[in-house]
Amino acid sequence: MDSEEREIGLSLPDLELRFTTDRGVFSNSRVDAGTRLLLQEAPHPTAAMSNVCDLGCGYGPIAVSLAKRSPSSGVWAVDLNERAVALTARNGALNGCTDIHAVVVDSDGIAVDGTSEDIAALADIKFDGIWSNPSIRIGKPAMHHMLTLWLDRLSPTGTAWLVVQRHLGADSLADWMTEQGWATSRVCSRAGYRLLEVKAR
């Protein structure tokens, strides 16, 4: 796909960020409403969190926000989209966060591109927090597979925060996660989105 880069901004109560986006990545003309809700309403990472993850990072608004809010945490940004992961690394540097671990993974969560150190390290890391605006449109089986892989990588006291459109099945997804053993609760609901808190099982 041809490249057509553009610059966009994100203004949050505690952050002013800039991003380079491109064709072929999610919501490339603006930071979408679901991601904004997640970044405004989910808890911020803390210094006690050794490793945190932006699952399905796109061009990096969540990963960069995590890195700015908790510079001492290891921030991992993972996505299947090679262009998105490359943009996340660039956008980290653009916003003064040069140590984001941006890694391309396959559908089984295996690292396939990134620095050799990150590829080797990712397999063994447990996350104290996962923040995600997951792509529900990949379909229920693929979504369940992805969430099973990554939610099981939470540390024993870890928590994930997911933002999901209500009309795309947020409530049924929350029920499914609870049935699978991840205690799930709704943090808030706004503009057609649910923000879900998911505890390690």
Protein backbone atom coordinates (compact mmCIF):
# COMPACT_ATOMS: atom_id res chain seq x y z
CA MET A 1 0.00 0.00 0.00
CA ASP A 2 1.31 3.44 -0.94
CA SER A 3 2.35 5.73 1.88
CA GLU A 4 0.50 8.98 2.58
CA GLU A 5 1.75 10.28 5.90
CA ARG A 6 0.03 12.99 7.90
CA GLU A 7 0.51 14.68 11.24
CA ILE A 8 -2.20 14.72 13.93
CA GLY A 9 -2.36 15.81 17.55
CA LEU A 10 -3.83 14.46 20.76
CA SER A 11 -4.72 16.73 23.65
CA LEU A 12 -5.40 15.13 27.05
CA PRO A 13 -5.71 16.83 30.44
CA ASP A 14 -2.11 15.88 31.27
CA LEU A 15 -0.53 15.45 27.83
CA GLU A 16 -0.08 17.17 24.48
CA LEU A 17 1.15 14.66 21.91
CA ARG A 18 1.90 14.59 18.18
CA PHE A 19 1.73 11.60 15.86
CA THR A 20 2.68 10.69 12.32
CA THR A 21 0.05 8.42 10.76
CA ASP A 22 -0.24 6.76 7.39
CA ARG A 23 -2.52 4.76 5.13
CA GLY A 24 -3.29 1.25 6.28
CA VAL A 25 -3.40 1.99 10.00
CA PHE A 26 -6.49 2.35 12.17
CA SER A 27 -8.06 5.83 12.48
CA ASN A 28 -5.25 7.59 10.66
CA SER A 29 -6.99 10.97 10.43
CA ARG A 30 -7.55 11.46 14.18
CA VAL A 31 -7.29 9.60 17.48
CA ASP A 32 -10.62 7.78 17.64
CA ALA A 33 -13.23 8.27 20.36
CA GLY A 34 -12.71 4.85 21.92
CA THR A 35 -8.98 5.39 22.39
CA ARG A 36 -9.65 8.84 23.84
CA LEU A 37 -12.09 7.34 26.34
CA LEU A 38 -9.54 4.72 27.35
CA LEU A 39 -6.81 7.31 27.84
CA GLN A 40 -9.09 9.66 29.78
CA GLU A 41 -10.87 7.17 32.05
CA ALA A 42 -8.64 4.12 32.58
CA PRO A 43 -6.11 4.30 35.41
CA HIS A 44 -2.64 5.49 34.50
CA PRO A 45 0.27 3.08 34.80
CA THR A 46 2.34 3.42 37.96
CA ALA A 47 6.03 3.13 38.69
CA ALA A 48 5.32 -0.20 40.40
CA MET A 49 4.33 -1.70 37.03
CA SER A 50 7.46 -3.28 35.59
CA ASN A 51 5.99 -4.05 32.16
CA VAL A 52 2.81 -2.76 30.49
CA CYS A 53 1.38 -3.48 27.07
CA ASP A 54 -0.52 -1.63 24.36
CA LEU A 55 -2.24 -4.53 22.58
CA GLY A 56 -3.02 -3.63 18.96
CA CYS A 57 -0.97 -0.47 19.14
CA GLY A 58 -1.75 1.09 15.75
CA TYR A 59 0.47 4.17 15.36
CA GLY A 60 0.96 4.38 19.10
CA PRO A 61 -1.31 6.84 20.95
CA ILE A 62 -1.83 4.44 23.85
CA ALA A 63 1.79 3.26 24.04
CA VAL A 64 3.16 6.80 23.94
CA SER A 65 0.70 7.94 26.60
CA LEU A 66 1.71 5.02 28.83
CA ALA A 67 5.40 5.84 28.38
CA LYS A 68 4.88 9.53 29.17
CA ARG A 69 2.78 8.75 32.24
CA SER A 70 5.13 6.13 33.71
CA PRO A 71 8.65 6.58 32.32
CA SER A 72 10.07 3.86 34.58
CA SER A 73 7.74 1.14 33.23
CA GLY A 74 8.73 -1.04 30.32
CA VAL A 75 6.17 -0.19 27.62
CA TRP A 76 5.51 -2.86 24.99
CA ALA A 77 3.55 -2.01 21.84
CA VAL A 78 2.43 -4.99 19.78
CA ASP A 79 0.45 -5.27 16.55
CA LEU A 80 0.17 -7.51 13.50
CA ASN A 81 0.58 -4.48 11.22
CA GLU A 82 4.24 -3.80 10.37
CA ARG A 83 3.58 -0.21 9.27
CA ALA A 84 1.71 0.52 12.51
CA VAL A 85 4.53 -0.83 14.68
CA ALA A 86 7.12 1.19 12.76
CA LEU A 87 5.02 4.32 13.26
CA THR A 88 4.71 3.60 16.98
CA ALA A 89 8.49 3.51 17.30
CA ARG A 90 8.79 6.77 15.37
CA ASN A 91 6.03 8.42 17.38
CA GLY A 92 7.67 7.39 20.61
CA ALA A 93 10.82 9.19 19.52
CA LEU A 94 8.79 12.17 18.27
CA ASN A 95 7.33 12.58 21.76
CA GLY A 96 10.54 11.94 23.68
CA CYS A 97 9.89 8.26 24.49
CA THR A 98 12.76 6.45 22.82
CA ASP A 99 12.54 3.19 24.78
CA ILE A 100 9.12 1.85 23.75
CA HIS A 101 9.46 -1.82 22.78
CA ALA A 102 7.60 -1.88 19.44
CA VAL A 103 7.18 -5.44 18.16
CA VAL A 104 5.31 -7.02 15.26
CA VAL A 105 3.55 -10.20 16.39
CA ASP A 106 1.65 -12.88 14.54
CA SER A 107 -1.89 -14.06 15.32
CA ASP A 108 -0.49 -16.46 17.94
CA GLY A 109 1.27 -13.66 19.80
CA ILE A 110 4.75 -14.65 18.61
CA ALA A 111 7.18 -11.81 17.93
CA VAL A 112 8.20 -11.74 14.27
CA ASP A 113 9.84 -8.32 13.87
CA GLY A 114 11.50 -5.76 16.11
CA THR A 115 14.93 -5.52 17.70
CA SER A 116 16.52 -8.90 18.35
CA GLU A 117 16.54 -8.15 22.08
CA ASP A 118 12.82 -7.36 22.12
CA ILE A 119 11.91 -10.41 20.05
CA ALA A 120 13.81 -12.64 22.46
CA ALA A 121 12.45 -10.96 25.60
CA LEU A 122 8.77 -10.73 24.68
CA ALA A 123 8.14 -14.47 24.95
CA ASP A 124 8.76 -14.54 28.70
CA ILE A 125 7.29 -11.25 29.90
CA LYS A 126 4.26 -11.00 32.13
CA PHE A 127 2.39 -7.69 32.08
CA ASP A 128 1.21 -5.76 35.11
CA GLY A 129 -1.21 -3.88 32.88
CA ILE A 130 -2.65 -4.13 29.37
CA TRP A 131 -4.43 -1.23 27.69
CA SER A 132 -6.23 -1.94 24.42
CA ASN A 133 -8.77 -0.74 21.89
CA PRO A 134 -9.06 -4.17 20.25
CA SER A 135 -10.26 -4.64 16.70
CA ILE A 136 -13.64 -6.30 17.26
CA ARG A 137 -14.16 -6.46 13.49
CA ILE A 138 -11.67 -9.33 13.20
CA GLY A 139 -14.54 -11.57 14.29
CA LYS A 140 -15.47 -13.36 17.49
CA PRO A 141 -13.24 -16.47 17.13
CA ALA A 142 -10.15 -14.39 16.34
CA MET A 143 -10.98 -11.93 19.13
CA HIS A 144 -11.40 -14.72 21.68
CA HIS A 145 -8.12 -16.30 20.55
CA MET A 146 -6.24 -13.00 20.83
CA LEU A 147 -7.65 -12.15 24.24
CA THR A 148 -6.95 -15.62 25.59
CA LEU A 149 -3.31 -15.34 24.52
CA TRP A 150 -2.72 -11.89 25.93
CA LEU A 151 -4.92 -11.83 29.04
CA ASP A 152 -3.13 -14.98 30.17
CA ARG A 153 0.09 -12.95 30.02
CA LEU A 154 -1.10 -10.71 32.86
CA SER A 155 0.89 -11.04 36.07
CA PRO A 156 -1.05 -12.57 38.99
CA THR A 157 -2.08 -9.09 40.16
CA GLY A 158 -2.32 -7.62 36.65
CA THR A 159 -5.28 -5.82 35.11
CA ALA A 160 -6.33 -5.08 31.54
CA TRP A 161 -8.47 -2.15 30.40
CA LEU A 162 -10.32 -2.66 27.12
CA VAL A 163 -12.52 -0.19 25.27
CA VAL A 164 -15.19 -1.76 23.07
CA GLN A 165 -18.12 -0.33 21.13
CA ARG A 166 -21.41 -1.25 22.75
CA HIS A 167 -23.14 -2.11 19.47
CA LEU A 168 -20.22 -4.35 18.44
CA GLY A 169 -20.74 -6.65 21.40
CA ALA A 170 -19.04 -5.09 24.42
CA ASP A 171 -21.51 -6.63 26.86
CA SER A 172 -21.36 -10.13 25.39
CA LEU A 173 -17.56 -9.92 25.32
CA ALA A 174 -17.53 -8.93 29.00
CA ASP A 175 -19.78 -11.89 29.79
CA TRP A 176 -17.50 -14.25 27.86
CA MET A 177 -14.37 -13.03 29.66
CA THR A 178 -16.04 -13.48 33.03
CA GLU A 179 -17.14 -17.00 32.05
CA GLN A 180 -13.53 -17.80 31.11
CA GLY A 181 -12.32 -16.76 34.56
CA TRP A 182 -11.22 -13.17 34.01
CA ALA A 183 -13.32 -11.10 36.40
CA THR A 184 -14.65 -8.28 34.21
CA SER A 185 -16.46 -5.11 35.21
CA ARG A 186 -17.61 -1.98 33.41
CA VAL A 187 -15.69 1.14 34.42
CA CYS A 188 -17.81 3.58 32.42
CA SER A 189 -19.91 3.92 29.29
CA ARG A 190 -19.84 6.94 26.99
CA ALA A 191 -20.44 7.81 23.34
CA GLY A 192 -21.37 4.24 22.49
CA TYR A 193 -18.28 2.69 24.11
CA ARG A 194 -17.77 0.55 27.18
CA LEU A 195 -14.55 0.70 29.17
CA LEU A 196 -13.97 -2.72 30.71
CA GLU A 197 -11.62 -3.66 33.56
CA VAL A 198 -10.38 -7.25 33.38
CA LYS A 199 -8.51 -8.99 36.20
CA ALA A 200 -5.98 -11.80 35.76
CA ARG A 201 -7.42 -15.27 36.30
